[in-house]
Amino acid sequence: MENKFLLKGTVTEIGNMVQIRRTTKPDIYKKVLTLVTEDDQKVFMEVRNTGIKELEREGVKEFSKVVVEFMFEGSEKEDKKYNNVIIKSIKLER
C-alpha cells in the first residue's frame, strides 16, 4: 500500500537530469525540484523517469505554482540512510 500526500507550493528550482546506474534493476532518471510551501517551508523532491515527461507536458517551470502528490521512499545502503521524497504527480495550480 502506498501512502500519498498532497502539497501546494512554488517551484523555485528544477535541477538537471541525473542518471543512476543500477546493476540488477533498470536505471533511474531523476530531477530534484525545490518547492517553497505556502507557509514558506522549503522541500526538495525528486521526480523520476516518466514523471520528468509530466513536468514538460504540464509546462512546469521555475516559479510555477503547483500541486504535488508525493510519497516517501526511504532506504538504507551500506550504512547510509536516504530519505527520498518522490513526486508521483505534479500539476499546475489552477
C-alpha atoms as a PDB file:
ATOM      1  CA  MET A   1       0.000   0.000   0.000  1.00  0.00           C
ATOM      2  CA  GLU A   2       1.338   3.428  -0.951  1.00  0.00           C
ATOM      3  CA  ASN A   3       0.544   6.396   1.263  1.00  0.00           C
ATOM      4  CA  LYS A   4       0.430   9.524  -0.883  1.00  0.00           C
ATOM      5  CA  PHE A   5       0.251  13.104   0.319  1.00  0.00           C
ATOM      6  CA  LEU A   6      -0.670  16.430  -1.323  1.00  0.00           C
ATOM      7  CA  LEU A   7       1.295  19.673  -1.158  1.00  0.00           C
ATOM      8  CA  LYS A   8       0.855  23.091  -2.758  1.00  0.00           C
ATOM      9  CA  GLY A   9       3.868  25.242  -3.412  1.00  0.00           C
ATOM     10  CA  THR A  10       6.008  27.229  -5.808  1.00  0.00           C
ATOM     11  CA  VAL A  11       8.823  25.616  -7.785  1.00  0.00           C
ATOM     12  CA  THR A  12      11.945  27.692  -7.175  1.00  0.00           C
ATOM     13  CA  GLU A  13      14.474  25.401  -8.854  1.00  0.00           C
ATOM     14  CA  ILE A  14      14.498  22.433 -11.236  1.00  0.00           C
ATOM     15  CA  GLY A  15      17.766  20.516 -11.181  1.00  0.00           C
ATOM     16  CA  ASN A  16      19.476  18.846 -14.109  1.00  0.00           C
ATOM     17  CA  MET A  17      18.554  15.297 -15.042  1.00  0.00           C
ATOM     18  CA  VAL A  18      20.734  12.667 -13.363  1.00  0.00           C
ATOM     19  CA  GLN A  19      21.063   9.018 -14.379  1.00  0.00           C
ATOM     20  CA  ILE A  20      21.508   6.497 -11.566  1.00  0.00           C
ATOM     21  CA  ARG A  21      23.035   3.339 -12.948  1.00  0.00           C
ATOM     22  CA  ARG A  22      21.939   0.079 -11.329  1.00  0.00           C
ATOM     23  CA  THR A  23      23.194  -3.433 -11.995  1.00  0.00           C
ATOM     24  CA  THR A  24      20.151  -5.557 -11.094  1.00  0.00           C
ATOM     25  CA  LYS A  25      17.318  -3.145 -11.983  1.00  0.00           C
ATOM     26  CA  PRO A  26      16.661  -0.589 -14.737  1.00  0.00           C
ATOM     27  CA  ASP A  27      18.481   2.735 -14.390  1.00  0.00           C
ATOM     28  CA  ILE A  28      16.655   5.635 -12.737  1.00  0.00           C
ATOM     29  CA  TYR A  29      16.494   9.079 -14.297  1.00  0.00           C
ATOM     30  CA  LYS A  30      15.637  11.893 -11.907  1.00  0.00           C
ATOM     31  CA  LYS A  31      15.482  15.634 -11.362  1.00  0.00           C
ATOM     32  CA  VAL A  32      15.366  17.336  -7.973  1.00  0.00           C
ATOM     33  CA  LEU A  33      12.814  20.111  -7.608  1.00  0.00           C
ATOM     34  CA  THR A  34      12.920  22.735  -4.886  1.00  0.00           C
ATOM     35  CA  LEU A  35       9.476  23.818  -3.724  1.00  0.00           C
ATOM     36  CA  VAL A  36       8.538  26.537  -1.262  1.00  0.00           C
ATOM     37  CA  THR A  37       5.239  25.910   0.525  1.00  0.00           C
ATOM     38  CA  GLU A  38       2.551  28.454   1.338  1.00  0.00           C
ATOM     39  CA  ASP A  39       3.978  28.776   4.874  1.00  0.00           C
ATOM     40  CA  ASP A  40       7.492  29.437   3.480  1.00  0.00           C
ATOM     41  CA  GLN A  41       8.970  25.972   4.132  1.00  0.00           C
ATOM     42  CA  LYS A  42      11.465  24.586   1.614  1.00  0.00           C
ATOM     43  CA  VAL A  43      11.300  20.956   0.440  1.00  0.00           C
ATOM     44  CA  PHE A  44      13.468  19.049  -2.039  1.00  0.00           C
ATOM     45  CA  MET A  45      11.548  16.447  -4.042  1.00  0.00           C
ATOM     46  CA  GLU A  46      12.577  14.000  -6.748  1.00  0.00           C
ATOM     47  CA  VAL A  47      10.686  13.437  -9.973  1.00  0.00           C
ATOM     48  CA  ARG A  48      11.700  10.207 -11.688  1.00  0.00           C
ATOM     49  CA  ASN A  49      11.508   8.549 -15.095  1.00  0.00           C
ATOM     50  CA  THR A  50       8.099   9.172 -16.720  1.00  0.00           C
ATOM     51  CA  GLY A  51       7.361  11.922 -14.194  1.00  0.00           C
ATOM     52  CA  ILE A  52      10.007  14.025 -15.953  1.00  0.00           C
ATOM     53  CA  LYS A  53       7.811  13.997 -19.079  1.00  0.00           C
ATOM     54  CA  GLU A  54       4.835  15.060 -16.945  1.00  0.00           C
ATOM     55  CA  LEU A  55       6.791  18.199 -15.974  1.00  0.00           C
ATOM     56  CA  GLU A  56       7.120  19.087 -19.660  1.00  0.00           C
ATOM     57  CA  ARG A  57       3.504  18.212 -20.542  1.00  0.00           C
ATOM     58  CA  GLU A  58       2.183  20.332 -17.680  1.00  0.00           C
ATOM     59  CA  GLY A  59       4.505  23.223 -18.537  1.00  0.00           C
ATOM     60  CA  VAL A  60       6.045  23.301 -15.041  1.00  0.00           C
ATOM     61  CA  LYS A  61       8.890  25.820 -14.868  1.00  0.00           C
ATOM     62  CA  GLU A  62      10.687  27.752 -12.160  1.00  0.00           C
ATOM     63  CA  PHE A  63       8.205  29.945 -10.254  1.00  0.00           C
ATOM     64  CA  SER A  64       5.219  27.819 -11.329  1.00  0.00           C
ATOM     65  CA  LYS A  65       2.583  27.319  -8.631  1.00  0.00           C
ATOM     66  CA  VAL A  66       1.912  23.577  -8.405  1.00  0.00           C
ATOM     67  CA  VAL A  67       0.006  20.855  -6.596  1.00  0.00           C
ATOM     68  CA  VAL A  68       2.167  17.811  -5.943  1.00  0.00           C
ATOM     69  CA  GLU A  69       1.130  14.293  -4.985  1.00  0.00           C
ATOM     70  CA  PHE A  70       4.110  12.624  -3.321  1.00  0.00           C
ATOM     71  CA  MET A  71       5.246   9.723  -1.182  1.00  0.00           C
ATOM     72  CA  PHE A  72       8.223   8.759   0.953  1.00  0.00           C
ATOM     73  CA  GLU A  73      10.667   6.051  -0.205  1.00  0.00           C
ATOM     74  CA  GLY A  74      13.397   5.894   2.402  1.00  0.00           C
ATOM     75  CA  SER A  75      16.142   3.302   2.163  1.00  0.00           C
ATOM     76  CA  GLU A  76      19.469   2.224   3.651  1.00  0.00           C
ATOM     77  CA  LYS A  77      22.518   1.157   1.662  1.00  0.00           C
ATOM     78  CA  GLU A  78      25.912   0.416   3.182  1.00  0.00           C
ATOM     79  CA  ASP A  79      25.156   2.281   6.432  1.00  0.00           C
ATOM     80  CA  LYS A  80      23.872   5.330   4.513  1.00  0.00           C
ATOM     81  CA  LYS A  81      20.297   6.473   5.013  1.00  0.00           C
ATOM     82  CA  TYR A  82      18.276   8.063   2.227  1.00  0.00           C
ATOM     83  CA  ASN A  83      15.076   9.994   2.933  1.00  0.00           C
ATOM     84  CA  ASN A  84      13.591  10.186  -0.554  1.00  0.00           C
ATOM     85  CA  VAL A  85      10.533  12.356  -1.177  1.00  0.00           C
ATOM     86  CA  ILE A  86       9.213  11.197  -4.549  1.00  0.00           C
ATOM     87  CA  ILE A  87       6.750  13.126  -6.721  1.00  0.00           C
ATOM     88  CA  LYS A  88       4.068  10.834  -8.113  1.00  0.00           C
ATOM     89  CA  SER A  89       2.083  13.576  -9.860  1.00  0.00           C
ATOM     90  CA  ILE A  90       2.612  17.284 -10.440  1.00  0.00           C
ATOM     91  CA  LYS A  91       0.038  19.704 -11.843  1.00  0.00           C
ATOM     92  CA  LEU A  92      -0.057  23.447 -12.303  1.00  0.00           C
ATOM     93  CA  GLU A  93      -2.298  25.037  -9.679  1.00  0.00           C
ATOM     94  CA  ARG A  94      -5.452  26.289 -11.348  1.00  0.00           C
END
